[in-house]
Amino acid sequence: MTVLKTRIIGSNLEKKGFVKAEDSDHIWYTFYANGNDTCIMTKISHGEREIGDPLIAKMARQLHISKADFVDLVSCKIDGEQYLSMVDEYIDS
Protein backbone atom coordinates (compact mmCIF):
# COMPACT_ATOMS: atom_id res chain seq x y z
CA MET A 1 0.00 0.00 0.00
CA THR A 2 1.29 3.42 -0.97
CA VAL A 3 1.10 6.23 1.57
CA LEU A 4 2.11 9.81 0.74
CA LYS A 5 2.47 12.80 3.05
CA THR A 6 0.11 15.62 2.08
CA ARG A 7 2.73 18.27 2.86
CA ILE A 8 5.07 16.73 0.27
CA ILE A 9 2.25 16.32 -2.28
CA GLY A 10 1.24 19.97 -2.00
CA SER A 11 4.77 21.30 -2.12
CA ASN A 12 5.72 19.24 -5.15
CA LEU A 13 2.50 20.03 -7.03
CA GLU A 14 3.30 23.72 -6.61
CA LYS A 15 6.76 23.10 -8.10
CA LYS A 16 5.06 21.58 -11.19
CA GLY A 17 2.82 24.56 -11.99
CA PHE A 18 -0.11 24.06 -9.63
CA VAL A 19 -1.39 27.06 -7.69
CA LYS A 20 -2.64 26.59 -4.16
CA ALA A 21 -5.89 28.12 -2.89
CA GLU A 22 -7.47 27.43 0.49
CA ASP A 23 -11.05 27.50 1.64
CA SER A 24 -12.53 26.46 4.96
CA ASP A 25 -12.59 22.73 4.18
CA HIS A 26 -9.91 22.05 1.57
CA ILE A 27 -6.68 23.11 -0.05
CA TRP A 28 -7.21 23.29 -3.81
CA TYR A 29 -4.46 22.90 -6.42
CA THR A 30 -5.19 24.18 -9.92
CA PHE A 31 -2.79 23.52 -12.77
CA TYR A 32 -1.59 26.56 -14.70
CA ALA A 33 -0.12 26.20 -18.19
CA ASN A 34 1.49 29.08 -20.04
CA GLY A 35 0.26 31.48 -17.36
CA ASN A 36 -3.39 30.44 -17.70
CA ASP A 37 -5.43 28.33 -15.32
CA THR A 38 -6.75 25.05 -16.66
CA CYS A 39 -9.65 22.77 -15.79
CA ILE A 40 -7.24 20.40 -14.04
CA MET A 41 -7.46 20.55 -10.27
CA THR A 42 -7.40 18.44 -7.15
CA LYS A 43 -7.85 19.00 -3.45
CA ILE A 44 -6.59 17.90 -0.06
CA SER A 45 -8.66 18.20 3.10
CA HIS A 46 -7.32 20.40 5.89
CA GLY A 47 -5.93 18.29 8.70
CA GLU A 48 -5.14 15.35 6.42
CA ARG A 49 -1.51 14.34 7.04
CA GLU A 50 -1.20 11.30 4.78
CA ILE A 51 -3.20 9.80 1.97
CA GLY A 52 -3.40 6.15 0.98
CA ASP A 53 -4.15 4.24 -2.19
CA PRO A 54 -7.86 5.15 -2.60
CA LEU A 55 -7.23 8.92 -2.40
CA ILE A 56 -4.05 8.67 -4.46
CA ALA A 57 -6.06 6.95 -7.20
CA LYS A 58 -8.79 9.60 -7.00
CA MET A 59 -6.30 12.48 -7.18
CA ALA A 60 -4.58 10.80 -10.14
CA ARG A 61 -7.92 10.60 -12.00
CA GLN A 62 -8.58 14.28 -11.25
CA LEU A 63 -5.18 15.11 -12.77
CA HIS A 64 -5.83 12.84 -15.80
CA ILE A 65 -2.87 10.55 -15.15
CA SER A 66 -2.36 7.03 -13.82
CA LYS A 67 -1.79 6.33 -10.16
CA ALA A 68 1.83 5.37 -10.90
CA ASP A 69 2.35 8.64 -12.80
CA PHE A 70 0.81 10.59 -9.89
CA VAL A 71 3.28 9.01 -7.47
CA ASP A 72 6.11 9.87 -9.88
CA LEU A 73 4.79 13.44 -10.25
CA VAL A 74 4.70 14.14 -6.53
CA SER A 75 8.03 12.40 -5.93
CA CYS A 76 9.66 14.58 -8.64
CA LYS A 77 10.36 11.83 -11.15
CA ILE A 78 8.10 13.73 -13.58
CA ASP A 79 8.64 17.47 -13.97
CA GLY A 80 6.14 20.17 -14.91
CA GLU A 81 6.94 20.08 -18.62
CA GLN A 82 6.54 16.31 -18.78
CA TYR A 83 3.22 16.59 -16.94
CA LEU A 84 2.05 19.30 -19.34
CA SER A 85 2.79 17.05 -22.33
CA MET A 86 0.86 14.21 -20.66
CA VAL A 87 -2.30 16.29 -20.13
CA ASP A 88 -2.12 18.71 -23.05
CA GLU A 89 -5.32 17.29 -24.59
CA TYR A 90 -7.31 18.09 -21.42
CA ILE A 91 -6.29 21.72 -21.19
CA ASP A 92 -8.87 24.19 -22.40
CA SER A 93 -6.62 27.19 -22.95
C-alpha atoms as a PDB file:
ATOM      1  CA  MET A   1       0.000   0.000   0.000  1.00  0.00           C
ATOM      2  CA  THR A   2       1.285   3.416  -0.970  1.00  0.00           C
ATOM      3  CA  VAL A   3       1.099   6.229   1.572  1.00  0.00           C
ATOM      4  CA  LEU A   4       2.111   9.813   0.743  1.00  0.00           C
ATOM      5  CA  LYS A   5       2.468  12.800   3.046  1.00  0.00           C
ATOM      6  CA  THR A   6       0.108  15.617   2.078  1.00  0.00           C
ATOM      7  CA  ARG A   7       2.730  18.266   2.862  1.00  0.00           C
ATOM      8  CA  ILE A   8       5.066  16.732   0.268  1.00  0.00           C
ATOM      9  CA  ILE A   9       2.252  16.321  -2.281  1.00  0.00           C
ATOM     10  CA  GLY A  10       1.240  19.968  -2.005  1.00  0.00           C
ATOM     11  CA  SER A  11       4.772  21.304  -2.115  1.00  0.00           C
ATOM     12  CA  ASN A  12       5.720  19.237  -5.151  1.00  0.00           C
ATOM     13  CA  LEU A  13       2.497  20.034  -7.034  1.00  0.00           C
ATOM     14  CA  GLU A  14       3.296  23.720  -6.611  1.00  0.00           C
ATOM     15  CA  LYS A  15       6.757  23.102  -8.100  1.00  0.00           C
ATOM     16  CA  LYS A  16       5.058  21.580 -11.189  1.00  0.00           C
ATOM     17  CA  GLY A  17       2.821  24.557 -11.992  1.00  0.00           C
ATOM     18  CA  PHE A  18      -0.115  24.059  -9.630  1.00  0.00           C
ATOM     19  CA  VAL A  19      -1.390  27.061  -7.694  1.00  0.00           C
ATOM     20  CA  LYS A  20      -2.642  26.586  -4.156  1.00  0.00           C
ATOM     21  CA  ALA A  21      -5.894  28.117  -2.893  1.00  0.00           C
ATOM     22  CA  GLU A  22      -7.471  27.429   0.485  1.00  0.00           C
ATOM     23  CA  ASP A  23     -11.053  27.500   1.639  1.00  0.00           C
ATOM     24  CA  SER A  24     -12.526  26.460   4.965  1.00  0.00           C
ATOM     25  CA  ASP A  25     -12.587  22.731   4.176  1.00  0.00           C
ATOM     26  CA  HIS A  26      -9.908  22.045   1.571  1.00  0.00           C
ATOM     27  CA  ILE A  27      -6.680  23.106  -0.051  1.00  0.00           C
ATOM     28  CA  TRP A  28      -7.213  23.285  -3.812  1.00  0.00           C
ATOM     29  CA  TYR A  29      -4.461  22.895  -6.418  1.00  0.00           C
ATOM     30  CA  THR A  30      -5.194  24.183  -9.921  1.00  0.00           C
ATOM     31  CA  PHE A  31      -2.786  23.521 -12.771  1.00  0.00           C
ATOM     32  CA  TYR A  32      -1.586  26.562 -14.699  1.00  0.00           C
ATOM     33  CA  ALA A  33      -0.123  26.198 -18.195  1.00  0.00           C
ATOM     34  CA  ASN A  34       1.487  29.081 -20.041  1.00  0.00           C
ATOM     35  CA  GLY A  35       0.261  31.484 -17.360  1.00  0.00           C
ATOM     36  CA  ASN A  36      -3.392  30.435 -17.697  1.00  0.00           C
ATOM     37  CA  ASP A  37      -5.429  28.327 -15.321  1.00  0.00           C
ATOM     38  CA  THR A  38      -6.748  25.047 -16.658  1.00  0.00           C
ATOM     39  CA  CYS A  39      -9.645  22.774 -15.787  1.00  0.00           C
ATOM     40  CA  ILE A  40      -7.239  20.403 -14.044  1.00  0.00           C
ATOM     41  CA  MET A  41      -7.463  20.545 -10.266  1.00  0.00           C
ATOM     42  CA  THR A  42      -7.401  18.445  -7.150  1.00  0.00           C
ATOM     43  CA  LYS A  43      -7.855  19.005  -3.449  1.00  0.00           C
ATOM     44  CA  ILE A  44      -6.591  17.896  -0.060  1.00  0.00           C
ATOM     45  CA  SER A  45      -8.659  18.204   3.097  1.00  0.00           C
ATOM     46  CA  HIS A  46      -7.322  20.403   5.893  1.00  0.00           C
ATOM     47  CA  GLY A  47      -5.927  18.287   8.699  1.00  0.00           C
ATOM     48  CA  GLU A  48      -5.137  15.353   6.420  1.00  0.00           C
ATOM     49  CA  ARG A  49      -1.510  14.336   7.042  1.00  0.00           C
ATOM     50  CA  GLU A  50      -1.196  11.303   4.783  1.00  0.00           C
ATOM     51  CA  ILE A  51      -3.204   9.800   1.973  1.00  0.00           C
ATOM     52  CA  GLY A  52      -3.404   6.152   0.980  1.00  0.00           C
ATOM     53  CA  ASP A  53      -4.152   4.236  -2.194  1.00  0.00           C
ATOM     54  CA  PRO A  54      -7.856   5.151  -2.597  1.00  0.00           C
ATOM     55  CA  LEU A  55      -7.232   8.924  -2.403  1.00  0.00           C
ATOM     56  CA  ILE A  56      -4.051   8.674  -4.463  1.00  0.00           C
ATOM     57  CA  ALA A  57      -6.064   6.952  -7.201  1.00  0.00           C
ATOM     58  CA  LYS A  58      -8.794   9.605  -7.003  1.00  0.00           C
ATOM     59  CA  MET A  59      -6.304  12.484  -7.181  1.00  0.00           C
ATOM     60  CA  ALA A  60      -4.583  10.795 -10.139  1.00  0.00           C
ATOM     61  CA  ARG A  61      -7.920  10.596 -11.997  1.00  0.00           C
ATOM     62  CA  GLN A  62      -8.577  14.276 -11.247  1.00  0.00           C
ATOM     63  CA  LEU A  63      -5.180  15.114 -12.771  1.00  0.00           C
ATOM     64  CA  HIS A  64      -5.830  12.838 -15.795  1.00  0.00           C
ATOM     65  CA  ILE A  65      -2.872  10.550 -15.149  1.00  0.00           C
ATOM     66  CA  SER A  66      -2.362   7.028 -13.822  1.00  0.00           C
ATOM     67  CA  LYS A  67      -1.785   6.326 -10.155  1.00  0.00           C
ATOM     68  CA  ALA A  68       1.831   5.373 -10.895  1.00  0.00           C
ATOM     69  CA  ASP A  69       2.352   8.641 -12.795  1.00  0.00           C
ATOM     70  CA  PHE A  70       0.813  10.592  -9.892  1.00  0.00           C
ATOM     71  CA  VAL A  71       3.278   9.014  -7.466  1.00  0.00           C
ATOM     72  CA  ASP A  72       6.108   9.874  -9.883  1.00  0.00           C
ATOM     73  CA  LEU A  73       4.787  13.443 -10.255  1.00  0.00           C
ATOM     74  CA  VAL A  74       4.702  14.139  -6.527  1.00  0.00           C
ATOM     75  CA  SER A  75       8.025  12.398  -5.932  1.00  0.00           C
ATOM     76  CA  CYS A  76       9.657  14.577  -8.638  1.00  0.00           C
ATOM     77  CA  LYS A  77      10.357  11.826 -11.150  1.00  0.00           C
ATOM     78  CA  ILE A  78       8.096  13.734 -13.579  1.00  0.00           C
ATOM     79  CA  ASP A  79       8.635  17.466 -13.970  1.00  0.00           C
ATOM     80  CA  GLY A  80       6.143  20.171 -14.906  1.00  0.00           C
ATOM     81  CA  GLU A  81       6.945  20.080 -18.623  1.00  0.00           C
ATOM     82  CA  GLN A  82       6.535  16.308 -18.777  1.00  0.00           C
ATOM     83  CA  TYR A  83       3.215  16.586 -16.945  1.00  0.00           C
ATOM     84  CA  LEU A  84       2.053  19.298 -19.345  1.00  0.00           C
ATOM     85  CA  SER A  85       2.792  17.052 -22.328  1.00  0.00           C
ATOM     86  CA  MET A  86       0.864  14.211 -20.658  1.00  0.00           C
ATOM     87  CA  VAL A  87      -2.297  16.291 -20.130  1.00  0.00           C
ATOM     88  CA  ASP A  88      -2.123  18.706 -23.046  1.00  0.00           C
ATOM     89  CA  GLU A  89      -5.319  17.287 -24.588  1.00  0.00           C
ATOM     90  CA  TYR A  90      -7.314  18.086 -21.422  1.00  0.00           C
ATOM     91  CA  ILE A  91      -6.288  21.723 -21.187  1.00  0.00           C
ATOM     92  CA  ASP A  92      -8.868  24.189 -22.399  1.00  0.00           C
ATOM     93  CA  SER A  93      -6.621  27.194 -22.947  1.00  0.00           C
END
